[in-house]
mmCIF file of all heavy atoms, coordinates in Angstrom:
data_MODEL
# 
_entry.id   MODEL 
# 
loop_
_atom_site.group_PDB 
_atom_site.id 
_atom_site.type_symbol 
_atom_site.label_atom_id 
_atom_site.label_alt_id 
_atom_site.label_comp_id 
_atom_site.label_asym_id 
_atom_site.label_entity_id 
_atom_site.label_seq_id 
_atom_site.pdbx_PDB_ins_code 
_atom_site.Cartn_x 
_atom_site.Cartn_y 
_atom_site.Cartn_z 
_atom_site.occupancy 
_atom_site.B_iso_or_equiv 
_atom_site.pdbx_formal_charge 
_atom_site.auth_seq_id 
_atom_site.auth_comp_id 
_atom_site.auth_asym_id 
_atom_site.auth_atom_id 
_atom_site.pdbx_PDB_model_num 
ATOM 1   N N   . GLN A 1 1  ? 33.050 -29.059 -64.674 1.00 0.00 ? 1  GLN A N   1 
ATOM 2   C CA  . GLN A 1 1  ? 32.576 -27.680 -64.580 1.00 0.00 ? 1  GLN A CA  1 
ATOM 3   C C   . GLN A 1 1  ? 33.594 -26.793 -65.276 1.00 0.00 ? 1  GLN A C   1 
ATOM 4   O O   . GLN A 1 1  ? 34.773 -26.786 -64.904 1.00 0.00 ? 1  GLN A O   1 
ATOM 5   C CB  . GLN A 1 1  ? 32.423 -27.263 -63.119 1.00 0.00 ? 1  GLN A CB  1 
ATOM 6   C CG  . GLN A 1 1  ? 32.016 -25.812 -62.935 1.00 0.00 ? 1  GLN A CG  1 
ATOM 7   C CD  . GLN A 1 1  ? 30.619 -25.523 -63.442 1.00 0.00 ? 1  GLN A CD  1 
ATOM 8   O OE1 . GLN A 1 1  ? 29.696 -26.300 -63.215 1.00 0.00 ? 1  GLN A OE1 1 
ATOM 9   N NE2 . GLN A 1 1  ? 30.461 -24.404 -64.140 1.00 0.00 ? 1  GLN A NE2 1 
ATOM 10  N N   . MET A 1 2  ? 33.133 -26.053 -66.265 1.00 0.00 ? 2  MET A N   1 
ATOM 11  C CA  . MET A 1 2  ? 34.026 -25.218 -67.064 1.00 0.00 ? 2  MET A CA  1 
ATOM 12  C C   . MET A 1 2  ? 33.625 -23.757 -66.898 1.00 0.00 ? 2  MET A C   1 
ATOM 13  O O   . MET A 1 2  ? 32.505 -23.376 -67.258 1.00 0.00 ? 2  MET A O   1 
ATOM 14  C CB  . MET A 1 2  ? 33.948 -25.627 -68.539 1.00 0.00 ? 2  MET A CB  1 
ATOM 15  C CG  . MET A 1 2  ? 34.231 -27.101 -68.775 1.00 0.00 ? 2  MET A CG  1 
ATOM 16  S SD  . MET A 1 2  ? 34.268 -27.549 -70.522 1.00 0.00 ? 2  MET A SD  1 
ATOM 17  C CE  . MET A 1 2  ? 32.576 -27.245 -70.978 1.00 0.00 ? 2  MET A CE  1 
ATOM 18  N N   . ASN A 1 3  ? 34.521 -22.978 -66.333 1.00 0.00 ? 3  ASN A N   1 
ATOM 19  C CA  . ASN A 1 3  ? 34.284 -21.550 -66.115 1.00 0.00 ? 3  ASN A CA  1 
ATOM 20  C C   . ASN A 1 3  ? 35.266 -20.724 -66.936 1.00 0.00 ? 3  ASN A C   1 
ATOM 21  O O   . ASN A 1 3  ? 36.283 -21.230 -67.402 1.00 0.00 ? 3  ASN A O   1 
ATOM 22  C CB  . ASN A 1 3  ? 34.442 -21.213 -64.634 1.00 0.00 ? 3  ASN A CB  1 
ATOM 23  C CG  . ASN A 1 3  ? 33.446 -21.928 -63.757 1.00 0.00 ? 3  ASN A CG  1 
ATOM 24  O OD1 . ASN A 1 3  ? 32.322 -22.218 -64.164 1.00 0.00 ? 3  ASN A OD1 1 
ATOM 25  N ND2 . ASN A 1 3  ? 33.855 -22.242 -62.528 1.00 0.00 ? 3  ASN A ND2 1 
ATOM 26  N N   . SER A 1 4  ? 34.957 -19.449 -67.081 1.00 0.00 ? 4  SER A N   1 
ATOM 27  C CA  . SER A 1 4  ? 35.828 -18.524 -67.815 1.00 0.00 ? 4  SER A CA  1 
ATOM 28  C C   . SER A 1 4  ? 36.222 -19.110 -69.166 1.00 0.00 ? 4  SER A C   1 
ATOM 29  O O   . SER A 1 4  ? 37.399 -19.103 -69.547 1.00 0.00 ? 4  SER A O   1 
ATOM 30  C CB  . SER A 1 4  ? 37.075 -18.206 -66.979 1.00 0.00 ? 4  SER A CB  1 
ATOM 31  O OG  . SER A 1 4  ? 36.728 -17.648 -65.738 1.00 0.00 ? 4  SER A OG  1 
ATOM 32  N N   . LEU A 1 5  ? 35.242 -19.585 -69.880 1.00 0.00 ? 5  LEU A N   1 
ATOM 33  C CA  . LEU A 1 5  ? 35.521 -20.266 -71.141 1.00 0.00 ? 5  LEU A CA  1 
ATOM 34  C C   . LEU A 1 5  ? 36.099 -19.313 -72.179 1.00 0.00 ? 5  LEU A C   1 
ATOM 35  O O   . LEU A 1 5  ? 35.749 -18.117 -72.221 1.00 0.00 ? 5  LEU A O   1 
ATOM 36  C CB  . LEU A 1 5  ? 34.246 -20.919 -71.674 1.00 0.00 ? 5  LEU A CB  1 
ATOM 37  C CG  . LEU A 1 5  ? 33.877 -22.236 -70.965 1.00 0.00 ? 5  LEU A CG  1 
ATOM 38  C CD1 . LEU A 1 5  ? 32.431 -22.603 -71.207 1.00 0.00 ? 5  LEU A CD1 1 
ATOM 39  C CD2 . LEU A 1 5  ? 34.800 -23.352 -71.430 1.00 0.00 ? 5  LEU A CD2 1 
ATOM 40  N N   . LYS A 1 6  ? 36.970 -19.861 -72.999 1.00 0.00 ? 6  LYS A N   1 
ATOM 41  C CA  . LYS A 1 6  ? 37.639 -19.106 -74.050 1.00 0.00 ? 6  LYS A CA  1 
ATOM 42  C C   . LYS A 1 6  ? 37.322 -19.735 -75.411 1.00 0.00 ? 6  LYS A C   1 
ATOM 43  O O   . LYS A 1 6  ? 37.026 -20.935 -75.471 1.00 0.00 ? 6  LYS A O   1 
ATOM 44  C CB  . LYS A 1 6  ? 39.146 -19.138 -73.827 1.00 0.00 ? 6  LYS A CB  1 
ATOM 45  C CG  . LYS A 1 6  ? 39.597 -18.657 -72.468 1.00 0.00 ? 6  LYS A CG  1 
ATOM 46  C CD  . LYS A 1 6  ? 41.097 -18.853 -72.295 1.00 0.00 ? 6  LYS A CD  1 
ATOM 47  C CE  . LYS A 1 6  ? 41.561 -18.395 -70.926 1.00 0.00 ? 6  LYS A CE  1 
ATOM 48  N NZ  . LYS A 1 6  ? 43.036 -18.576 -70.756 1.00 0.00 ? 6  LYS A NZ  1 
ATOM 49  N N   . PRO A 1 7  ? 37.409 -18.964 -76.476 1.00 0.00 ? 7  PRO A N   1 
ATOM 50  C CA  . PRO A 1 7  ? 37.166 -19.563 -77.809 1.00 0.00 ? 7  PRO A CA  1 
ATOM 51  C C   . PRO A 1 7  ? 38.043 -20.774 -78.089 1.00 0.00 ? 7  PRO A C   1 
ATOM 52  O O   . PRO A 1 7  ? 37.602 -21.717 -78.757 1.00 0.00 ? 7  PRO A O   1 
ATOM 53  C CB  . PRO A 1 7  ? 37.486 -18.401 -78.758 1.00 0.00 ? 7  PRO A CB  1 
ATOM 54  C CG  . PRO A 1 7  ? 37.159 -17.184 -77.961 1.00 0.00 ? 7  PRO A CG  1 
ATOM 55  C CD  . PRO A 1 7  ? 37.577 -17.507 -76.555 1.00 0.00 ? 7  PRO A CD  1 
ATOM 56  N N   . GLU A 1 8  ? 39.256 -20.790 -77.548 1.00 0.00 ? 8  GLU A N   1 
ATOM 57  C CA  . GLU A 1 8  ? 40.143 -21.932 -77.782 1.00 0.00 ? 8  GLU A CA  1 
ATOM 58  C C   . GLU A 1 8  ? 39.718 -23.182 -77.027 1.00 0.00 ? 8  GLU A C   1 
ATOM 59  O O   . GLU A 1 8  ? 40.311 -24.250 -77.210 1.00 0.00 ? 8  GLU A O   1 
ATOM 60  C CB  . GLU A 1 8  ? 41.600 -21.575 -77.430 1.00 0.00 ? 8  GLU A CB  1 
ATOM 61  C CG  . GLU A 1 8  ? 41.795 -20.956 -76.072 1.00 0.00 ? 8  GLU A CG  1 
ATOM 62  C CD  . GLU A 1 8  ? 41.833 -19.441 -76.123 1.00 0.00 ? 8  GLU A CD  1 
ATOM 63  O OE1 . GLU A 1 8  ? 41.010 -18.833 -76.844 1.00 0.00 ? 8  GLU A OE1 1 
ATOM 64  O OE2 . GLU A 1 8  ? 42.691 -18.858 -75.419 1.00 0.00 ? 8  GLU A OE2 1 
ATOM 65  N N   . ASP A 1 9  ? 38.705 -23.079 -76.174 1.00 0.00 ? 9  ASP A N   1 
ATOM 66  C CA  . ASP A 1 9  ? 38.155 -24.259 -75.516 1.00 0.00 ? 9  ASP A CA  1 
ATOM 67  C C   . ASP A 1 9  ? 37.152 -24.985 -76.421 1.00 0.00 ? 9  ASP A C   1 
ATOM 68  O O   . ASP A 1 9  ? 36.674 -26.069 -76.059 1.00 0.00 ? 9  ASP A O   1 
ATOM 69  C CB  . ASP A 1 9  ? 37.455 -23.881 -74.208 1.00 0.00 ? 9  ASP A CB  1 
ATOM 70  C CG  . ASP A 1 9  ? 38.419 -23.358 -73.161 1.00 0.00 ? 9  ASP A CG  1 
ATOM 71  O OD1 . ASP A 1 9  ? 39.526 -23.923 -73.031 1.00 0.00 ? 9  ASP A OD1 1 
ATOM 72  O OD2 . ASP A 1 9  ? 38.065 -22.378 -72.475 1.00 0.00 ? 9  ASP A OD2 1 
ATOM 73  N N   . THR A 1 10 ? 36.827 -24.396 -77.549 1.00 0.00 ? 10 THR A N   1 
ATOM 74  C CA  . THR A 1 10 ? 35.889 -25.020 -78.477 1.00 0.00 ? 10 THR A CA  1 
ATOM 75  C C   . THR A 1 10 ? 36.424 -26.358 -78.960 1.00 0.00 ? 10 THR A C   1 
ATOM 76  O O   . THR A 1 10 ? 37.554 -26.449 -79.445 1.00 0.00 ? 10 THR A O   1 
ATOM 77  C CB  . THR A 1 10 ? 35.640 -24.093 -79.680 1.00 0.00 ? 10 THR A CB  1 
ATOM 78  O OG1 . THR A 1 10 ? 34.989 -22.904 -79.237 1.00 0.00 ? 10 THR A OG1 1 
ATOM 79  C CG2 . THR A 1 10 ? 34.779 -24.780 -80.732 1.00 0.00 ? 10 THR A CG2 1 
ATOM 80  N N   . ALA A 1 11 ? 35.617 -27.409 -78.791 1.00 0.00 ? 11 ALA A N   1 
ATOM 81  C CA  . ALA A 1 11 ? 36.043 -28.762 -79.146 1.00 0.00 ? 11 ALA A CA  1 
ATOM 82  C C   . ALA A 1 11 ? 34.895 -29.728 -78.870 1.00 0.00 ? 11 ALA A C   1 
ATOM 83  O O   . ALA A 1 11 ? 33.893 -29.357 -78.244 1.00 0.00 ? 11 ALA A O   1 
ATOM 84  C CB  . ALA A 1 11 ? 37.268 -29.181 -78.335 1.00 0.00 ? 11 ALA A CB  1 
ATOM 85  N N   . VAL A 1 12 ? 35.070 -30.958 -79.307 1.00 0.00 ? 12 VAL A N   1 
ATOM 86  C CA  . VAL A 1 12 ? 34.220 -32.049 -78.844 1.00 0.00 ? 12 VAL A CA  1 
ATOM 87  C C   . VAL A 1 12 ? 34.869 -32.617 -77.585 1.00 0.00 ? 12 VAL A C   1 
ATOM 88  O O   . VAL A 1 12 ? 36.062 -32.945 -77.604 1.00 0.00 ? 12 VAL A O   1 
ATOM 89  C CB  . VAL A 1 12 ? 34.062 -33.140 -79.909 1.00 0.00 ? 12 VAL A CB  1 
ATOM 90  C CG1 . VAL A 1 12 ? 33.226 -34.299 -79.361 1.00 0.00 ? 12 VAL A CG1 1 
ATOM 91  C CG2 . VAL A 1 12 ? 33.427 -32.573 -81.169 1.00 0.00 ? 12 VAL A CG2 1 
ATOM 92  N N   . TYR A 1 13 ? 34.094 -32.706 -76.535 1.00 0.00 ? 13 TYR A N   1 
ATOM 93  C CA  . TYR A 1 13 ? 34.602 -33.191 -75.253 1.00 0.00 ? 13 TYR A CA  1 
ATOM 94  C C   . TYR A 1 13 ? 34.145 -34.629 -75.031 1.00 0.00 ? 13 TYR A C   1 
ATOM 95  O O   . TYR A 1 13 ? 32.964 -34.946 -75.214 1.00 0.00 ? 13 TYR A O   1 
ATOM 96  C CB  . TYR A 1 13 ? 34.108 -32.294 -74.116 1.00 0.00 ? 13 TYR A CB  1 
ATOM 97  C CG  . TYR A 1 13 ? 34.873 -31.001 -74.035 1.00 0.00 ? 13 TYR A CG  1 
ATOM 98  C CD1 . TYR A 1 13 ? 34.697 -30.015 -74.999 1.00 0.00 ? 13 TYR A CD1 1 
ATOM 99  C CD2 . TYR A 1 13 ? 35.776 -30.762 -73.004 1.00 0.00 ? 13 TYR A CD2 1 
ATOM 100 C CE1 . TYR A 1 13 ? 35.420 -28.831 -74.942 1.00 0.00 ? 13 TYR A CE1 1 
ATOM 101 C CE2 . TYR A 1 13 ? 36.498 -29.583 -72.935 1.00 0.00 ? 13 TYR A CE2 1 
ATOM 102 C CZ  . TYR A 1 13 ? 36.316 -28.621 -73.901 1.00 0.00 ? 13 TYR A CZ  1 
ATOM 103 O OH  . TYR A 1 13 ? 37.035 -27.449 -73.845 1.00 0.00 ? 13 TYR A OH  1 
ATOM 104 N N   . TYR A 1 14 ? 35.094 -35.455 -74.623 1.00 0.00 ? 14 TYR A N   1 
ATOM 105 C CA  . TYR A 1 14 ? 34.844 -36.871 -74.393 1.00 0.00 ? 14 TYR A CA  1 
ATOM 106 C C   . TYR A 1 14 ? 35.173 -37.241 -72.956 1.00 0.00 ? 14 TYR A C   1 
ATOM 107 O O   . TYR A 1 14 ? 36.178 -36.780 -72.412 1.00 0.00 ? 14 TYR A O   1 
ATOM 108 C CB  . TYR A 1 14 ? 35.718 -37.730 -75.296 1.00 0.00 ? 14 TYR A CB  1 
ATOM 109 C CG  . TYR A 1 14 ? 35.500 -37.536 -76.775 1.00 0.00 ? 14 TYR A CG  1 
ATOM 110 C CD1 . TYR A 1 14 ? 36.219 -36.577 -77.480 1.00 0.00 ? 14 TYR A CD1 1 
ATOM 111 C CD2 . TYR A 1 14 ? 34.600 -38.329 -77.477 1.00 0.00 ? 14 TYR A CD2 1 
ATOM 112 C CE1 . TYR A 1 14 ? 36.038 -36.402 -78.831 1.00 0.00 ? 14 TYR A CE1 1 
ATOM 113 C CE2 . TYR A 1 14 ? 34.414 -38.163 -78.842 1.00 0.00 ? 14 TYR A CE2 1 
ATOM 114 C CZ  . TYR A 1 14 ? 35.130 -37.195 -79.514 1.00 0.00 ? 14 TYR A CZ  1 
ATOM 115 O OH  . TYR A 1 14 ? 34.949 -37.027 -80.868 1.00 0.00 ? 14 TYR A OH  1 
ATOM 116 N N   . CYS A 1 15 ? 34.362 -38.102 -72.362 1.00 0.00 ? 15 CYS A N   1 
ATOM 117 C CA  . CYS A 1 15 ? 34.767 -38.697 -71.095 1.00 0.00 ? 15 CYS A CA  1 
ATOM 118 C C   . CYS A 1 15 ? 35.265 -40.111 -71.368 1.00 0.00 ? 15 CYS A C   1 
ATOM 119 O O   . CYS A 1 15 ? 34.911 -40.729 -72.374 1.00 0.00 ? 15 CYS A O   1 
ATOM 120 C CB  . CYS A 1 15 ? 33.644 -38.692 -70.065 1.00 0.00 ? 15 CYS A CB  1 
ATOM 121 S SG  . CYS A 1 15 ? 32.290 -39.828 -70.388 1.00 0.00 ? 15 CYS A SG  1 
ATOM 122 N N   . ALA A 1 16 ? 36.100 -40.592 -70.472 1.00 0.00 ? 16 ALA A N   1 
ATOM 123 C CA  . ALA A 1 16 ? 36.727 -41.892 -70.642 1.00 0.00 ? 16 ALA A CA  1 
ATOM 124 C C   . ALA A 1 16 ? 36.918 -42.546 -69.280 1.00 0.00 ? 16 ALA A C   1 
ATOM 125 O O   . ALA A 1 16 ? 37.032 -41.850 -68.264 1.00 0.00 ? 16 ALA A O   1 
ATOM 126 C CB  . ALA A 1 16 ? 38.070 -41.740 -71.340 1.00 0.00 ? 16 ALA A CB  1 
ATOM 127 N N   . ALA A 1 17 ? 36.950 -43.872 -69.279 1.00 0.00 ? 17 ALA A N   1 
ATOM 128 C CA  . ALA A 1 17 ? 37.086 -44.625 -68.034 1.00 0.00 ? 17 ALA A CA  1 
ATOM 129 C C   . ALA A 1 17 ? 38.296 -45.547 -68.087 1.00 0.00 ? 17 ALA A C   1 
ATOM 130 O O   . ALA A 1 17 ? 38.555 -46.202 -69.106 1.00 0.00 ? 17 ALA A O   1 
ATOM 131 C CB  . ALA A 1 17 ? 35.822 -45.440 -67.773 1.00 0.00 ? 17 ALA A CB  1 
ATOM 132 N N   . ARG A 1 18 ? 38.998 -45.593 -66.962 1.00 0.00 ? 18 ARG A N   1 
ATOM 133 C CA  . ARG A 1 18 ? 40.116 -46.488 -66.788 1.00 0.00 ? 18 ARG A CA  1 
ATOM 134 C C   . ARG A 1 18 ? 39.799 -47.347 -65.566 1.00 0.00 ? 18 ARG A C   1 
ATOM 135 O O   . ARG A 1 18 ? 39.993 -46.916 -64.431 1.00 0.00 ? 18 ARG A O   1 
ATOM 136 C CB  . ARG A 1 18 ? 41.415 -45.710 -66.561 1.00 0.00 ? 18 ARG A CB  1 
ATOM 137 C CG  . ARG A 1 18 ? 42.567 -46.535 -66.050 1.00 0.00 ? 18 ARG A CG  1 
ATOM 138 C CD  . ARG A 1 18 ? 43.176 -47.415 -67.109 1.00 0.00 ? 18 ARG A CD  1 
ATOM 139 N NE  . ARG A 1 18 ? 44.267 -48.226 -66.550 1.00 0.00 ? 18 ARG A NE  1 
ATOM 140 C CZ  . ARG A 1 18 ? 45.141 -48.879 -67.280 1.00 0.00 ? 18 ARG A CZ  1 
ATOM 141 N NH1 . ARG A 1 18 ? 45.084 -48.824 -68.612 1.00 0.00 ? 18 ARG A NH1 1 
ATOM 142 N NH2 . ARG A 1 18 ? 46.083 -49.588 -66.702 1.00 0.00 ? 18 ARG A NH2 1 
ATOM 143 N N   . PRO A 1 19 ? 39.309 -48.568 -65.742 1.00 0.00 ? 19 PRO A N   1 
ATOM 144 C CA  . PRO A 1 19 ? 38.919 -49.374 -64.592 1.00 0.00 ? 19 PRO A CA  1 
ATOM 145 C C   . PRO A 1 19 ? 40.080 -49.770 -63.681 1.00 0.00 ? 19 PRO A C   1 
ATOM 146 O O   . PRO A 1 19 ? 39.939 -49.779 -62.453 1.00 0.00 ? 19 PRO A O   1 
ATOM 147 C CB  . PRO A 1 19 ? 38.272 -50.611 -65.217 1.00 0.00 ? 19 PRO A CB  1 
ATOM 148 C CG  . PRO A 1 19 ? 37.822 -50.159 -66.566 1.00 0.00 ? 19 PRO A CG  1 
ATOM 149 C CD  . PRO A 1 19 ? 38.865 -49.165 -66.992 1.00 0.00 ? 19 PRO A CD  1 
ATOM 150 N N   . ARG A 1 20 ? 41.221 -50.087 -64.278 1.00 0.00 ? 20 ARG A N   1 
ATOM 151 C CA  . ARG A 1 20 ? 42.326 -50.581 -63.464 1.00 0.00 ? 20 ARG A CA  1 
ATOM 152 C C   . ARG A 1 20 ? 43.323 -49.464 -63.161 1.00 0.00 ? 20 ARG A C   1 
ATOM 153 O O   . ARG A 1 20 ? 43.338 -48.430 -63.805 1.00 0.00 ? 20 ARG A O   1 
ATOM 154 C CB  . ARG A 1 20 ? 43.028 -51.728 -64.186 1.00 0.00 ? 20 ARG A CB  1 
ATOM 155 C CG  . ARG A 1 20 ? 42.103 -52.899 -64.476 1.00 0.00 ? 20 ARG A CG  1 
ATOM 156 C CD  . ARG A 1 20 ? 42.833 -54.052 -65.125 1.00 0.00 ? 20 ARG A CD  1 
ATOM 157 N NE  . ARG A 1 20 ? 43.817 -54.639 -64.227 1.00 0.00 ? 20 ARG A NE  1 
ATOM 158 C CZ  . ARG A 1 20 ? 44.581 -55.667 -64.550 1.00 0.00 ? 20 ARG A CZ  1 
ATOM 159 N NH1 . ARG A 1 20 ? 44.505 -56.193 -65.761 1.00 0.00 ? 20 ARG A NH1 1 
ATOM 160 N NH2 . ARG A 1 20 ? 45.445 -56.167 -63.686 1.00 0.00 ? 20 ARG A NH2 1 
ATOM 161 N N   . TYR A 1 21 ? 44.206 -49.734 -62.195 1.00 0.00 ? 21 TYR A N   1 
ATOM 162 C CA  . TYR A 1 21 ? 45.150 -48.717 -61.746 1.00 0.00 ? 21 TYR A CA  1 
ATOM 163 C C   . TYR A 1 21 ? 46.013 -48.198 -62.899 1.00 0.00 ? 21 TYR A C   1 
ATOM 164 O O   . TYR A 1 21 ? 46.428 -48.952 -63.776 1.00 0.00 ? 21 TYR A O   1 
ATOM 165 C CB  . TYR A 1 21 ? 46.064 -49.281 -60.649 1.00 0.00 ? 21 TYR A CB  1 
ATOM 166 C CG  . TYR A 1 21 ? 47.136 -48.294 -60.243 1.00 0.00 ? 21 TYR A CG  1 
ATOM 167 C CD1 . TYR A 1 21 ? 46.828 -47.229 -59.421 1.00 0.00 ? 21 TYR A CD1 1 
ATOM 168 C CD2 . TYR A 1 21 ? 48.435 -48.421 -60.733 1.00 0.00 ? 21 TYR A CD2 1 
ATOM 169 C CE1 . TYR A 1 21 ? 47.797 -46.309 -59.070 1.00 0.00 ? 21 TYR A CE1 1 
ATOM 170 C CE2 . TYR A 1 21 ? 49.412 -47.504 -60.386 1.00 0.00 ? 21 TYR A CE2 1 
ATOM 171 C CZ  . TYR A 1 21 ? 49.079 -46.448 -59.555 1.00 0.00 ? 21 TYR A CZ  1 
ATOM 172 O OH  . TYR A 1 21 ? 50.043 -45.540 -59.222 1.00 0.00 ? 21 TYR A OH  1 
ATOM 173 N N   . ALA A 1 22 ? 46.295 -46.916 -62.857 1.00 0.00 ? 22 ALA A N   1 
ATOM 174 C CA  . ALA A 1 22 ? 47.233 -46.285 -63.783 1.00 0.00 ? 22 ALA A CA  1 
ATOM 175 C C   . ALA A 1 22 ? 47.949 -45.176 -63.029 1.00 0.00 ? 22 ALA A C   1 
ATOM 176 O O   . ALA A 1 22 ? 47.367 -44.546 -62.141 1.00 0.00 ? 22 ALA A O   1 
ATOM 177 C CB  . ALA A 1 22 ? 46.500 -45.713 -65.002 1.00 0.00 ? 22 ALA A CB  1 
ATOM 178 N N   . THR A 1 23 ? 49.202 -44.940 -63.380 1.00 0.00 ? 23 THR A N   1 
ATOM 179 C CA  . THR A 1 23 ? 49.947 -43.869 -62.729 1.00 0.00 ? 23 THR A CA  1 
ATOM 180 C C   . THR A 1 23 ? 49.413 -42.510 -63.183 1.00 0.00 ? 23 THR A C   1 
ATOM 181 O O   . THR A 1 23 ? 48.767 -42.415 -64.241 1.00 0.00 ? 23 THR A O   1 
ATOM 182 C CB  . THR A 1 23 ? 51.436 -43.966 -63.077 1.00 0.00 ? 23 THR A CB  1 
ATOM 183 O OG1 . THR A 1 23 ? 51.581 -43.792 -64.494 1.00 0.00 ? 23 THR A OG1 1 
ATOM 184 C CG2 . THR A 1 23 ? 52.007 -45.324 -62.669 1.00 0.00 ? 23 THR A CG2 1 
ATOM 185 N N   . PRO A 1 24 ? 49.668 -41.475 -62.411 1.00 0.00 ? 24 PRO A N   1 
ATOM 186 C CA  . PRO A 1 24 ? 49.174 -40.150 -62.806 1.00 0.00 ? 24 PRO A CA  1 
ATOM 187 C C   . PRO A 1 24 ? 49.596 -39.745 -64.222 1.00 0.00 ? 24 PRO A C   1 
ATOM 188 O O   . PRO A 1 24 ? 48.791 -39.176 -64.965 1.00 0.00 ? 24 PRO A O   1 
ATOM 189 C CB  . PRO A 1 24 ? 49.790 -39.231 -61.751 1.00 0.00 ? 24 PRO A CB  1 
ATOM 190 C CG  . PRO A 1 24 ? 49.873 -40.098 -60.535 1.00 0.00 ? 24 PRO A CG  1 
ATOM 191 C CD  . PRO A 1 24 ? 50.249 -41.455 -61.054 1.00 0.00 ? 24 PRO A CD  1 
ATOM 192 N N   . SER A 1 25 ? 50.807 -40.025 -64.594 1.00 0.00 ? 25 SER A N   1 
ATOM 193 C CA  . SER A 1 25 ? 51.244 -39.632 -65.929 1.00 0.00 ? 25 SER A CA  1 
ATOM 194 C C   . SER A 1 25 ? 50.495 -40.396 -67.018 1.00 0.00 ? 25 SER A C   1 
ATOM 195 O O   . SER A 1 25 ? 50.242 -39.865 -68.108 1.00 0.00 ? 25 SER A O   1 
ATOM 196 C CB  . SER A 1 25 ? 52.748 -39.838 -66.084 1.00 0.00 ? 25 SER A CB  1 
ATOM 197 O OG  . SER A 1 25 ? 53.085 -41.199 -65.914 1.00 0.00 ? 25 SER A OG  1 
# 
């Protein structure tokens, strides 16, 4: 959910999946 959108938010947006554990960083 994207609110208060700005011109600098213009981009192609991708989703991605990480099945196995990964640290927050």
